[in-house]
Amino acid sequence: MKLKIQDYNDVTVVELHGDLDSDVVEMFQDAIIGIVSKDRIGIVLDMCNVGFIDSEGLEQLLWARDYCNENMRELRLAGLDENCLRILEITRLASDFAHYNELTQAVKSFA
C-alpha cells in the first residue's frame, strides 16, 4: 500500500493505494498519529484506490476513528468502492463512519 498525504485548509486527505490489510498497520498508524499531532480539524481517508479491506484493516479504521475522537479530530471516508462498502455493511460498521461518494464532498463536510 502507498499513502499520499495532502492538506486542504484545515483538513488532511490521506489517499490510500492498495489493500488495507495487516501489511500496512505500522505505516497507517504512523500517518494518522502524525496528522493528528498537527493542528488539523479532520482527516479524510480517500479510499477510491482501495480494493479490499481485511479484518486487520477494519481494526485500523476503527482505531483511526477512535484515535481521532480521543484527540478531538474528525475522520471521514471517501470514495469507497462497492466491495469495500459491502465489507463495512456486512460487518455492520458502515454506520460507524461518515462516508461520502466523492472526495470533494468529504472535504467540504468540514466547512
PDB file of N, CA and C in Angstrom:
ATOM      1  N   MET A   1       0.840  -1.173   0.000  1.00  0.00           N
ATOM      2  CA  MET A   1       0.000   0.000   0.000  1.00  0.00           C
ATOM      3  C   MET A   1       0.883   1.232   0.000  1.00  0.00           C
ATOM      4  N   LYS A   2       0.404   2.242  -0.689  1.00  0.00           N
ATOM      5  CA  LYS A   2       1.053   3.547  -0.709  1.00  0.00           C
ATOM      6  C   LYS A   2       0.098   4.561  -0.117  1.00  0.00           C
ATOM      7  N   LEU A   3       0.659   5.549   0.571  1.00  0.00           N
ATOM      8  CA  LEU A   3      -0.116   6.644   1.133  1.00  0.00           C
ATOM      9  C   LEU A   3       0.378   7.952   0.542  1.00  0.00           C
ATOM     10  N   LYS A   4      -0.558   8.796   0.163  1.00  0.00           N
ATOM     11  CA  LYS A   4      -0.222  10.138  -0.300  1.00  0.00           C
ATOM     12  C   LYS A   4      -1.003  11.102   0.589  1.00  0.00           C
ATOM     13  N   ILE A   5      -0.300  12.026   1.218  1.00  0.00           N
ATOM     14  CA  ILE A   5      -0.923  12.927   2.181  1.00  0.00           C
ATOM     15  C   ILE A   5      -0.891  14.348   1.643  1.00  0.00           C
ATOM     16  N   GLN A   6      -2.079  14.992   1.647  1.00  0.00           N
ATOM     17  CA  GLN A   6      -2.197  16.377   1.174  1.00  0.00           C
ATOM     18  C   GLN A   6      -3.088  17.150   2.130  1.00  0.00           C
ATOM     19  N   ASP A   7      -2.724  18.409   2.354  1.00  0.00           N
ATOM     20  CA  ASP A   7      -3.526  19.280   3.197  1.00  0.00           C
ATOM     21  C   ASP A   7      -4.408  20.183   2.346  1.00  0.00           C
ATOM     22  N   TYR A   8      -5.655  20.346   2.779  1.00  0.00           N
ATOM     23  CA  TYR A   8      -6.620  21.257   2.175  1.00  0.00           C
ATOM     24  C   TYR A   8      -7.178  22.100   3.310  1.00  0.00           C
ATOM     25  N   ASN A   9      -6.666  23.327   3.430  1.00  0.00           N
ATOM     26  CA  ASN A   9      -7.025  24.198   4.545  1.00  0.00           C
ATOM     27  C   ASN A   9      -6.762  23.460   5.851  1.00  0.00           C
ATOM     28  N   ASP A  10      -7.788  23.221   6.671  1.00  0.00           N
ATOM     29  CA  ASP A  10      -7.601  22.565   7.969  1.00  0.00           C
ATOM     30  C   ASP A  10      -7.866  21.064   7.936  1.00  0.00           C
ATOM     31  N   VAL A  11      -7.982  20.501   6.734  1.00  0.00           N
ATOM     32  CA  VAL A  11      -8.287  19.080   6.573  1.00  0.00           C
ATOM     33  C   VAL A  11      -7.117  18.403   5.859  1.00  0.00           C
ATOM     34  N   THR A  12      -6.771  17.221   6.322  1.00  0.00           N
ATOM     35  CA  THR A  12      -5.733  16.436   5.656  1.00  0.00           C
ATOM     36  C   THR A  12      -6.386  15.253   4.962  1.00  0.00           C
ATOM     37  N   VAL A  13      -6.030  15.061   3.699  1.00  0.00           N
ATOM     38  CA  VAL A  13      -6.517  13.932   2.914  1.00  0.00           C
ATOM     39  C   VAL A  13      -5.401  12.900   2.815  1.00  0.00           C
ATOM     40  N   VAL A  14      -5.737  11.669   3.170  1.00  0.00           N
ATOM     41  CA  VAL A  14      -4.808  10.554   3.029  1.00  0.00           C
ATOM     42  C   VAL A  14      -5.341   9.681   1.910  1.00  0.00           C
ATOM     43  N   GLU A  15      -4.633   9.706   0.799  1.00  0.00           N
ATOM     44  CA  GLU A  15      -5.022   8.902  -0.358  1.00  0.00           C
ATOM     45  C   GLU A  15      -4.363   7.533  -0.222  1.00  0.00           C
ATOM     46  N   LEU A  16      -5.189   6.495  -0.146  1.00  0.00           N
ATOM     47  CA  LEU A  16      -4.696   5.136   0.027  1.00  0.00           C
ATOM     48  C   LEU A  16      -4.696   4.412  -1.319  1.00  0.00           C
ATOM     49  N   HIS A  17      -3.602   3.702  -1.593  1.00  0.00           N
ATOM     50  CA  HIS A  17      -3.492   2.916  -2.831  1.00  0.00           C
ATOM     51  C   HIS A  17      -3.117   1.488  -2.467  1.00  0.00           C
ATOM     52  N   GLY A  18      -4.016   0.551  -2.721  1.00  0.00           N
ATOM     53  CA  GLY A  18      -3.752  -0.850  -2.424  1.00  0.00           C
ATOM     54  C   GLY A  18      -4.746  -1.386  -1.422  1.00  0.00           C
ATOM     55  N   ASP A  19      -4.459  -2.557  -0.894  1.00  0.00           N
ATOM     56  CA  ASP A  19      -5.352  -3.190   0.072  1.00  0.00           C
ATOM     57  C   ASP A  19      -5.063  -2.676   1.480  1.00  0.00           C
ATOM     58  N   LEU A  20      -6.114  -2.496   2.252  1.00  0.00           N
ATOM     59  CA  LEU A  20      -5.976  -2.106   3.653  1.00  0.00           C
ATOM     60  C   LEU A  20      -5.972  -3.405   4.458  1.00  0.00           C
ATOM     61  N   ASP A  21      -4.768  -3.857   4.787  1.00  0.00           N
ATOM     62  CA  ASP A  21      -4.632  -5.148   5.451  1.00  0.00           C
ATOM     63  C   ASP A  21      -3.504  -5.113   6.477  1.00  0.00           C
ATOM     64  N   SER A  22      -3.157  -6.277   7.000  1.00  0.00           N
ATOM     65  CA  SER A  22      -2.173  -6.364   8.076  1.00  0.00           C
ATOM     66  C   SER A  22      -0.783  -5.896   7.666  1.00  0.00           C
ATOM     67  N   ASP A  23      -0.490  -5.837   6.392  1.00  0.00           N
ATOM     68  CA  ASP A  23       0.828  -5.415   5.924  1.00  0.00           C
ATOM     69  C   ASP A  23       1.088  -3.924   6.121  1.00  0.00           C
ATOM     70  N   VAL A  24       0.049  -3.144   6.375  1.00  0.00           N
ATOM     71  CA  VAL A  24       0.222  -1.683   6.409  1.00  0.00           C
ATOM     72  C   VAL A  24      -0.075  -1.052   7.771  1.00  0.00           C
ATOM     73  N   VAL A  25      -0.199  -1.871   8.801  1.00  0.00           N
ATOM     74  CA  VAL A  25      -0.612  -1.367  10.113  1.00  0.00           C
ATOM     75  C   VAL A  25       0.307  -0.251  10.606  1.00  0.00           C
ATOM     76  N   GLU A  26       1.595  -0.503  10.652  1.00  0.00           N
ATOM     77  CA  GLU A  26       2.526   0.482  11.198  1.00  0.00           C
ATOM     78  C   GLU A  26       2.550   1.774  10.378  1.00  0.00           C
ATOM     79  N   MET A  27       2.596   1.645   9.057  1.00  0.00           N
ATOM     80  CA  MET A  27       2.616   2.817   8.189  1.00  0.00           C
ATOM     81  C   MET A  27       1.324   3.622   8.348  1.00  0.00           C
ATOM     82  N   PHE A  28       0.197   2.950   8.403  1.00  0.00           N
ATOM     83  CA  PHE A  28      -1.095   3.614   8.537  1.00  0.00           C
ATOM     84  C   PHE A  28      -1.183   4.340   9.880  1.00  0.00           C
ATOM     85  N   GLN A  29      -0.826   3.658  10.968  1.00  0.00           N
ATOM     86  CA  GLN A  29      -0.891   4.285  12.282  1.00  0.00           C
ATOM     87  C   GLN A  29       0.060   5.473  12.395  1.00  0.00           C
ATOM     88  N   ASP A  30       1.273   5.333  11.868  1.00  0.00           N
ATOM     89  CA  ASP A  30       2.231   6.441  11.897  1.00  0.00           C
ATOM     90  C   ASP A  30       1.687   7.663  11.165  1.00  0.00           C
ATOM     91  N   ALA A  31       1.030   7.432  10.038  1.00  0.00           N
ATOM     92  CA  ALA A  31       0.469   8.553   9.270  1.00  0.00           C
ATOM     93  C   ALA A  31      -0.637   9.241  10.056  1.00  0.00           C
ATOM     94  N   ILE A  32      -1.538   8.470  10.637  1.00  0.00           N
ATOM     95  CA  ILE A  32      -2.656   9.061  11.398  1.00  0.00           C
ATOM     96  C   ILE A  32      -2.130   9.807  12.619  1.00  0.00           C
ATOM     97  N   ILE A  33      -1.208   9.214  13.359  1.00  0.00           N
ATOM     98  CA  ILE A  33      -0.636   9.868  14.540  1.00  0.00           C
ATOM     99  C   ILE A  33       0.049  11.181  14.143  1.00  0.00           C
ATOM    100  N   GLY A  34       0.779  11.166  13.046  1.00  0.00           N
ATOM    101  CA  GLY A  34       1.454  12.371  12.571  1.00  0.00           C
ATOM    102  C   GLY A  34       0.484  13.478  12.203  1.00  0.00           C
ATOM    103  N   ILE A  35      -0.599  13.120  11.557  1.00  0.00           N
ATOM    104  CA  ILE A  35      -1.594  14.121  11.155  1.00  0.00           C
ATOM    105  C   ILE A  35      -2.310  14.683  12.376  1.00  0.00           C
ATOM    106  N   VAL A  36      -2.701  13.822  13.290  1.00  0.00           N
ATOM    107  CA  VAL A  36      -3.422  14.264  14.485  1.00  0.00           C
ATOM    108  C   VAL A  36      -2.546  15.191  15.330  1.00  0.00           C
ATOM    109  N   SER A  37      -1.232  14.977  15.308  1.00  0.00           N
ATOM    110  CA  SER A  37      -0.340  15.815  16.106  1.00  0.00           C
ATOM    111  C   SER A  37      -0.252  17.243  15.565  1.00  0.00           C
ATOM    112  N   LYS A  38      -0.669  17.438  14.327  1.00  0.00           N
ATOM    113  CA  LYS A  38      -0.712  18.781  13.738  1.00  0.00           C
ATOM    114  C   LYS A  38      -2.034  19.434  14.102  1.00  0.00           C
ATOM    115  N   ASP A  39      -2.136  20.696  13.853  1.00  0.00           N
ATOM    116  CA  ASP A  39      -3.360  21.438  14.188  1.00  0.00           C
ATOM    117  C   ASP A  39      -4.358  21.339  13.036  1.00  0.00           C
ATOM    118  N   ARG A  40      -4.882  20.140  12.817  1.00  0.00           N
ATOM    119  CA  ARG A  40      -5.835  19.869  11.736  1.00  0.00           C
ATOM    120  C   ARG A  40      -7.182  19.540  12.362  1.00  0.00           C
ATOM    121  N   ILE A  41      -8.277  19.962  11.730  1.00  0.00           N
ATOM    122  CA  ILE A  41      -9.592  19.659  12.308  1.00  0.00           C
ATOM    123  C   ILE A  41     -10.089  18.278  11.929  1.00  0.00           C
ATOM    124  N   GLY A  42      -9.584  17.745  10.834  1.00  0.00           N
ATOM    125  CA  GLY A  42     -10.075  16.449  10.415  1.00  0.00           C
ATOM    126  C   GLY A  42      -9.201  15.762   9.396  1.00  0.00           C
ATOM    127  N   ILE A  43      -9.535  14.493   9.192  1.00  0.00           N
ATOM    128  CA  ILE A  43      -8.829  13.641   8.237  1.00  0.00           C
ATOM    129  C   ILE A  43      -9.864  12.987   7.337  1.00  0.00           C
ATOM    130  N   VAL A  44      -9.582  12.988   6.037  1.00  0.00           N
ATOM    131  CA  VAL A  44     -10.382  12.241   5.078  1.00  0.00           C
ATOM    132  C   VAL A  44      -9.501  11.133   4.518  1.00  0.00           C
ATOM    133  N   LEU A  45      -9.965   9.902   4.643  1.00  0.00           N
ATOM    134  CA  LEU A  45      -9.287   8.773   4.010  1.00  0.00           C
ATOM    135  C   LEU A  45      -9.911   8.576   2.636  1.00  0.00           C
ATOM    136  N   ASP A  46      -9.139   8.878   1.600  1.00  0.00           N
ATOM    137  CA  ASP A  46      -9.596   8.695   0.223  1.00  0.00           C
ATOM    138  C   ASP A  46      -9.385   7.230  -0.143  1.00  0.00           C
ATOM    139  N   MET A  47     -10.487   6.489  -0.200  1.00  0.00           N
ATOM    140  CA  MET A  47     -10.441   5.041  -0.362  1.00  0.00           C
ATOM    141  C   MET A  47     -10.714   4.589  -1.802  1.00  0.00           C
ATOM    142  N   CYS A  48     -10.730   5.506  -2.755  1.00  0.00           N
ATOM    143  CA  CYS A  48     -11.141   5.129  -4.112  1.00  0.00           C
ATOM    144  C   CYS A  48     -10.176   4.153  -4.787  1.00  0.00           C
ATOM    145  N   ASN A  49      -8.952   4.042  -4.271  1.00  0.00           N
ATOM    146  CA  ASN A  49      -7.989   3.102  -4.839  1.00  0.00           C
ATOM    147  C   ASN A  49      -7.721   1.916  -3.913  1.00  0.00           C
ATOM    148  N   VAL A  50      -8.657   1.667  -2.994  1.00  0.00           N
ATOM    149  CA  VAL A  50      -8.560   0.508  -2.104  1.00  0.00           C
ATOM    150  C   VAL A  50      -9.565  -0.531  -2.594  1.00  0.00           C
ATOM    151  N   GLY A  51      -9.080  -1.720  -2.899  1.00  0.00           N
ATOM    152  CA  GLY A  51      -9.958  -2.756  -3.431  1.00  0.00           C
ATOM    153  C   GLY A  51     -10.413  -3.771  -2.410  1.00  0.00           C
ATOM    154  N   PHE A  52      -9.708  -3.820  -1.270  1.00  0.00           N
ATOM    155  CA  PHE A  52     -10.037  -4.843  -0.282  1.00  0.00           C
ATOM    156  C   PHE A  52      -9.650  -4.358   1.105  1.00  0.00           C
ATOM    157  N   ILE A  53     -10.461  -4.707   2.091  1.00  0.00           N
ATOM    158  CA  ILE A  53     -10.174  -4.431   3.497  1.00  0.00           C
ATOM    159  C   ILE A  53     -10.323  -5.750   4.247  1.00  0.00           C
ATOM    160  N   ASP A  54      -9.245  -6.201   4.898  1.00  0.00           N
ATOM    161  CA  ASP A  54      -9.365  -7.430   5.692  1.00  0.00           C
ATOM    162  C   ASP A  54      -9.683  -7.073   7.141  1.00  0.00           C
ATOM    163  N   SER A  55      -9.739  -8.059   8.016  1.00  0.00           N
ATOM    164  CA  SER A  55     -10.126  -7.815   9.407  1.00  0.00           C
ATOM    165  C   SER A  55      -9.160  -6.857  10.097  1.00  0.00           C
ATOM    166  N   GLU A  56      -7.884  -6.964   9.803  1.00  0.00           N
ATOM    167  CA  GLU A  56      -6.912  -6.037  10.388  1.00  0.00           C
ATOM    168  C   GLU A  56      -7.123  -4.625   9.845  1.00  0.00           C
ATOM    169  N   GLY A  57      -7.483  -4.519   8.582  1.00  0.00           N
ATOM    170  CA  GLY A  57      -7.794  -3.214   8.003  1.00  0.00           C
ATOM    171  C   GLY A  57      -9.004  -2.582   8.670  1.00  0.00           C
ATOM    172  N   LEU A  58     -10.012  -3.398   8.961  1.00  0.00           N
ATOM    173  CA  LEU A  58     -11.191  -2.898   9.681  1.00  0.00           C
ATOM    174  C   LEU A  58     -10.800  -2.423  11.075  1.00  0.00           C
ATOM    175  N   GLU A  59      -9.937  -3.198  11.739  1.00  0.00           N
ATOM    176  CA  GLU A  59      -9.464  -2.773  13.052  1.00  0.00           C
ATOM    177  C   GLU A  59      -8.716  -1.453  12.968  1.00  0.00           C
ATOM    178  N   GLN A  60      -7.957  -1.251  11.902  1.00  0.00           N
ATOM    179  CA  GLN A  60      -7.214   0.007  11.742  1.00  0.00           C
ATOM    180  C   GLN A  60      -8.161   1.182  11.505  1.00  0.00           C
ATOM    181  N   LEU A  61      -9.218   0.962  10.757  1.00  0.00           N
ATOM    182  CA  LEU A  61     -10.204   2.025  10.561  1.00  0.00           C
ATOM    183  C   LEU A  61     -10.862   2.398  11.887  1.00  0.00           C
ATOM    184  N   LEU A  62     -11.220   1.397  12.678  1.00  0.00           N
ATOM    185  CA  LEU A  62     -11.819   1.658  13.981  1.00  0.00           C
ATOM    186  C   LEU A  62     -10.826   2.349  14.910  1.00  0.00           C
ATOM    187  N   TRP A  63      -9.575   1.909  14.884  1.00  0.00           N
ATOM    188  CA  TRP A  63      -8.548   2.557  15.682  1.00  0.00           C
ATOM    189  C   TRP A  63      -8.401   4.030  15.278  1.00  0.00           C
ATOM    190  N   ALA A  64      -8.341   4.290  13.961  1.00  0.00           N
ATOM    191  CA  ALA A  64      -8.183   5.661  13.469  1.00  0.00           C
ATOM    192  C   ALA A  64      -9.360   6.518  13.909  1.00  0.00           C
ATOM    193  N   ARG A  65     -10.564   5.982  13.804  1.00  0.00           N
ATOM    194  CA  ARG A  65     -11.757   6.720  14.253  1.00  0.00           C
ATOM    195  C   ARG A  65     -11.665   7.056  15.729  1.00  0.00           C
ATOM    196  N   ASP A  66     -11.328   6.068  16.538  1.00  0.00           N
ATOM    197  CA  ASP A  66     -11.242   6.275  17.984  1.00  0.00           C
ATOM    198  C   ASP A  66     -10.104   7.224  18.350  1.00  0.00           C
ATOM    199  N   TYR A  67      -8.966   7.077  17.685  1.00  0.00           N
ATOM    200  CA  TYR A  67      -7.815   7.945  17.956  1.00  0.00           C
ATOM    201  C   TYR A  67      -8.157   9.392  17.603  1.00  0.00           C
ATOM    202  N   CYS A  68      -8.824   9.583  16.485  1.00  0.00           N
ATOM    203  CA  CYS A  68      -9.245  10.940  16.103  1.00  0.00           C
ATOM    204  C   CYS A  68     -10.220  11.500  17.136  1.00  0.00           C
ATOM    205  N   ASN A  69     -11.200  10.710  17.536  1.00  0.00           N
ATOM    206  CA  ASN A  69     -12.181  11.161  18.533  1.00  0.00           C
ATOM    207  C   ASN A  69     -11.514  11.534  19.851  1.00  0.00           C
ATOM    208  N   GLU A  70     -10.581  10.712  20.307  1.00  0.00           N
ATOM    209  CA  GLU A  70      -9.877  10.978  21.565  1.00  0.00           C
ATOM    210  C   GLU A  70      -9.092  12.284  21.504  1.00  0.00           C
ATOM    211  N   ASN A  71      -8.664  12.659  20.307  1.00  0.00           N
ATOM    212  CA  ASN A  71      -7.860  13.864  20.128  1.00  0.00           C
ATOM    213  C   ASN A  71      -8.662  15.003  19.509  1.00  0.00           C
ATOM    214  N   MET A  72      -9.978  14.903  19.615  1.00  0.00           N
ATOM    215  CA  MET A  72     -10.902  15.935  19.135  1.00  0.00           C
ATOM    216  C   MET A  72     -10.687  16.281  17.651  1.00  0.00           C
ATOM    217  N   ARG A  73     -10.514  15.241  16.857  1.00  0.00           N
ATOM    218  CA  ARG A  73     -10.425  15.365  15.408  1.00  0.00           C
ATOM    219  C   ARG A  73     -11.538  14.506  14.829  1.00  0.00           C
ATOM    220  N   GLU A  74     -11.896  14.795  13.585  1.00  0.00           N
ATOM    221  CA  GLU A  74     -12.938  14.002  12.925  1.00  0.00           C
ATOM    222  C   GLU A  74     -12.342  13.226  11.768  1.00  0.00           C
ATOM    223  N   LEU A  75     -12.907  12.048  11.531  1.00  0.00           N
ATOM    224  CA  LEU A  75     -12.456  11.173  10.454  1.00  0.00           C
ATOM    225  C   LEU A  75     -13.605  10.934   9.498  1.00  0.00           C
ATOM    226  N   ARG A  76     -13.326  11.053   8.211  1.00  0.00           N
ATOM    227  CA  ARG A  76     -14.314  10.773   7.175  1.00  0.00           C
ATOM    228  C   ARG A  76     -13.685   9.809   6.167  1.00  0.00           C
ATOM    229  N   LEU A  77     -14.529   9.014   5.528  1.00  0.00           N
ATOM    230  CA  LEU A  77     -14.104   8.133   4.444  1.00  0.00           C
ATOM    231  C   LEU A  77     -14.703   8.657   3.148  1.00  0.00           C
ATOM    232  N   ALA A  78     -13.961   8.526   2.069  1.00  0.00           N
ATOM    233  CA  ALA A  78     -14.466   8.967   0.766  1.00  0.00           C
ATOM    234  C   ALA A  78     -14.111   7.937  -0.299  1.00  0.00           C
ATOM    235  N   GLY A  79     -14.992   7.814  -1.278  1.00  0.00           N
ATOM    236  CA  GLY A  79     -14.719   7.015  -2.461  1.00  0.00           C
ATOM    237  C   GLY A  79     -14.658   5.518  -2.254  1.00  0.00           C
ATOM    238  N   LEU A  80     -15.404   5.012  -1.291  1.00  0.00           N
ATOM    239  CA  LEU A  80     -15.432   3.564  -1.089  1.00  0.00           C
ATOM    240  C   LEU A  80     -16.009   2.879  -2.325  1.00  0.00           C
ATOM    241  N   ASP A  81     -15.304   1.884  -2.844  1.00  0.00           N
ATOM    242  CA  ASP A  81     -15.882   1.148  -3.964  1.00  0.00           C
ATOM    243  C   ASP A  81     -16.944   0.187  -3.432  1.00  0.00           C
ATOM    244  N   GLU A  82     -17.635  -0.459  -4.336  1.00  0.00           N
ATOM    245  CA  GLU A  82     -18.743  -1.341  -3.963  1.00  0.00           C
ATOM    246  C   GLU A  82     -18.300  -2.454  -3.028  1.00  0.00           C
ATOM    247  N   ASN A  83     -17.131  -3.028  -3.291  1.00  0.00           N
ATOM    248  CA  ASN A  83     -16.614  -4.121  -2.480  1.00  0.00           C
ATOM    249  C   ASN A  83     -16.313  -3.661  -1.045  1.00  0.00           C
ATOM    250  N   CYS A  84     -15.612  -2.544  -0.904  1.00  0.00           N
ATOM    251  CA  CYS A  84     -15.258  -2.051   0.432  1.00  0.00           C
ATOM    252  C   CYS A  84     -16.497  -1.607   1.208  1.00  0.00           C
ATOM    253  N   LEU A  85     -17.427  -0.971   0.526  1.00  0.00           N
ATOM    254  CA  LEU A  85     -18.662  -0.565   1.191  1.00  0.00           C
ATOM    255  C   LEU A  85     -19.437  -1.796   1.659  1.00  0.00           C
ATOM    256  N   ARG A  86     -19.455  -2.826   0.853  1.00  0.00           N
ATOM    257  CA  ARG A  86     -20.141  -4.068   1.216  1.00  0.00           C
ATOM    258  C   ARG A  86     -19.486  -4.707   2.451  1.00  0.00           C
ATOM    259  N   ILE A  87     -18.158  -4.670   2.518  1.00  0.00           N
ATOM    260  CA  ILE A  87     -17.447  -5.203   3.685  1.00  0.00           C
ATOM    261  C   ILE A  87     -17.868  -4.448   4.939  1.00  0.00           C
ATOM    262  N   LEU A  88     -17.956  -3.120   4.848  1.00  0.00           N
ATOM    263  CA  LEU A  88     -18.399  -2.329   6.003  1.00  0.00           C
ATOM    264  C   LEU A  88     -19.848  -2.642   6.363  1.00  0.00           C
ATOM    265  N   GLU A  89     -20.678  -2.859   5.365  1.00  0.00           N
ATOM    266  CA  GLU A  89     -22.083  -3.173   5.630  1.00  0.00           C
ATOM    267  C   GLU A  89     -22.236  -4.553   6.269  1.00  0.00           C
ATOM    268  N   ILE A  90     -21.541  -5.546   5.746  1.00  0.00           N
ATOM    269  CA  ILE A  90     -21.628  -6.906   6.279  1.00  0.00           C
ATOM    270  C   ILE A  90     -21.168  -6.951   7.735  1.00  0.00           C
ATOM    271  N   THR A  91     -20.134  -6.189   8.048  1.00  0.00           N
ATOM    272  CA  THR A  91     -19.610  -6.173   9.419  1.00  0.00           C
ATOM    273  C   THR A  91     -20.348  -5.171  10.307  1.00  0.00           C
ATOM    274  N   ARG A  92     -21.372  -4.559   9.744  1.00  0.00           N
ATOM    275  CA  ARG A  92     -22.195  -3.570  10.455  1.00  0.00           C
ATOM    276  C   ARG A  92     -21.394  -2.380  10.952  1.00  0.00           C
ATOM    277  N   LEU A  93     -20.379  -2.006  10.188  1.00  0.00           N
ATOM    278  CA  LEU A  93     -19.548  -0.865  10.547  1.00  0.00           C
ATOM    279  C   LEU A  93     -19.815   0.362   9.682  1.00  0.00           C
ATOM    280  N   ALA A  94     -20.633   0.209   8.651  1.00  0.00           N
ATOM    281  CA  ALA A  94     -20.884   1.333   7.739  1.00  0.00           C
ATOM    282  C   ALA A  94     -21.434   2.548   8.474  1.00  0.00           C
ATOM    283  N   SER A  95     -22.293   2.317   9.452  1.00  0.00           N
ATOM    284  CA  SER A  95     -22.890   3.438  10.179  1.00  0.00           C
ATOM    285  C   SER A  95     -21.930   4.035  11.210  1.00  0.00           C
ATOM    286  N   ASP A  96     -20.793   3.390  11.443  1.00  0.00           N
ATOM    287  CA  ASP A  96     -19.801   3.907  12.393  1.00  0.00           C
ATOM    288  C   ASP A  96     -18.912   4.982  11.788  1.00  0.00           C
ATOM    289  N   PHE A  97     -19.010   5.154  10.479  1.00  0.00           N
ATOM    290  CA  PHE A  97     -18.146   6.110   9.783  1.00  0.00           C
ATOM    291  C   PHE A  97     -18.980   7.055   8.933  1.00  0.00           C
ATOM    292  N   ALA A  98     -18.593   8.320   8.948  1.00  0.00           N
ATOM    293  CA  ALA A  98     -19.156   9.254   7.979  1.00  0.00           C
ATOM    294  C   ALA A  98     -18.449   8.957   6.662  1.00  0.00           C
ATOM    295  N   HIS A  99     -19.219   8.583   5.642  1.00  0.00           N
ATOM    296  CA  HIS A  99     -18.585   8.277   4.364  1.00  0.00           C
ATOM    297  C   HIS A  99     -19.328   8.968   3.233  1.00  0.00           C
ATOM    298  N   TYR A 100     -18.561   9.340   2.238  1.00  0.00           N
ATOM    299  CA  TYR A 100     -19.056  10.129   1.116  1.00  0.00           C
ATOM    300  C   TYR A 100     -18.613   9.474  -0.183  1.00  0.00           C
ATOM    301  N   ASN A 101     -19.429   9.650  -1.213  1.00  0.00           N
ATOM    302  CA  ASN A 101     -19.081   9.087  -2.517  1.00  0.00           C
ATOM    303  C   ASN A 101     -17.867   9.781  -3.122  1.00  0.00           C
ATOM    304  N   GLU A 102     -17.808  11.089  -2.963  1.00  0.00           N
ATOM    305  CA  GLU A 102     -16.758  11.891  -3.598  1.00  0.00           C
ATOM    306  C   GLU A 102     -15.844  12.519  -2.559  1.00  0.00           C
ATOM    307  N   LEU A 103     -14.575  12.634  -2.881  1.00  0.00           N
ATOM    308  CA  LEU A 103     -13.594  13.254  -2.005  1.00  0.00           C
ATOM    309  C   LEU A 103     -13.967  14.707  -1.705  1.00  0.00           C
ATOM    310  N   THR A 104     -14.399  15.434  -2.725  1.00  0.00           N
ATOM    311  CA  THR A 104     -14.735  16.847  -2.512  1.00  0.00           C
ATOM    312  C   THR A 104     -15.877  17.006  -1.514  1.00  0.00           C
ATOM    313  N   GLN A 105     -16.862  16.098  -1.558  1.00  0.00           N
ATOM    314  CA  GLN A 105     -17.952  16.140  -0.589  1.00  0.00           C
ATOM    315  C   GLN A 105     -17.425  15.947   0.829  1.00  0.00           C
ATOM    316  N   ALA A 106     -16.539  15.014   1.007  1.00  0.00           N
ATOM    317  CA  ALA A 106     -15.983  14.725   2.323  1.00  0.00           C
ATOM    318  C   ALA A 106     -15.191  15.920   2.857  1.00  0.00           C
ATOM    319  N   VAL A 107     -14.372  16.524   2.013  1.00  0.00           N
ATOM    320  CA  VAL A 107     -13.585  17.680   2.449  1.00  0.00           C
ATOM    321  C   VAL A 107     -14.498  18.849   2.787  1.00  0.00           C
ATOM    322  N   LYS A 108     -15.495  19.094   1.939  1.00  0.00           N
ATOM    323  CA  LYS A 108     -16.428  20.201   2.182  1.00  0.00           C
ATOM    324  C   LYS A 108     -17.284  19.977   3.426  1.00  0.00           C
ATOM    325  N   SER A 109     -17.456  18.745   3.852  1.00  0.00           N
ATOM    326  CA  SER A 109     -18.291  18.462   5.022  1.00  0.00           C
ATOM    327  C   SER A 109     -17.706  19.064   6.306  1.00  0.00           C
ATOM    328  N   PHE A 110     -16.444  19.433   6.278  1.00  0.00           N
ATOM    329  CA  PHE A 110     -15.820  20.050   7.442  1.00  0.00           C
ATOM    330  C   PHE A 110     -16.098  21.544   7.527  1.00  0.00           C
ATOM    331  N   ALA A 111     -16.638  22.128   6.471  1.00  0.00           N
ATOM    332  CA  ALA A 111     -16.870  23.582   6.452  1.00  0.00           C
ATOM    333  C   ALA A 111     -18.015  23.985   7.349  1.00  0.00           C
TER     334      ALA A 111
END
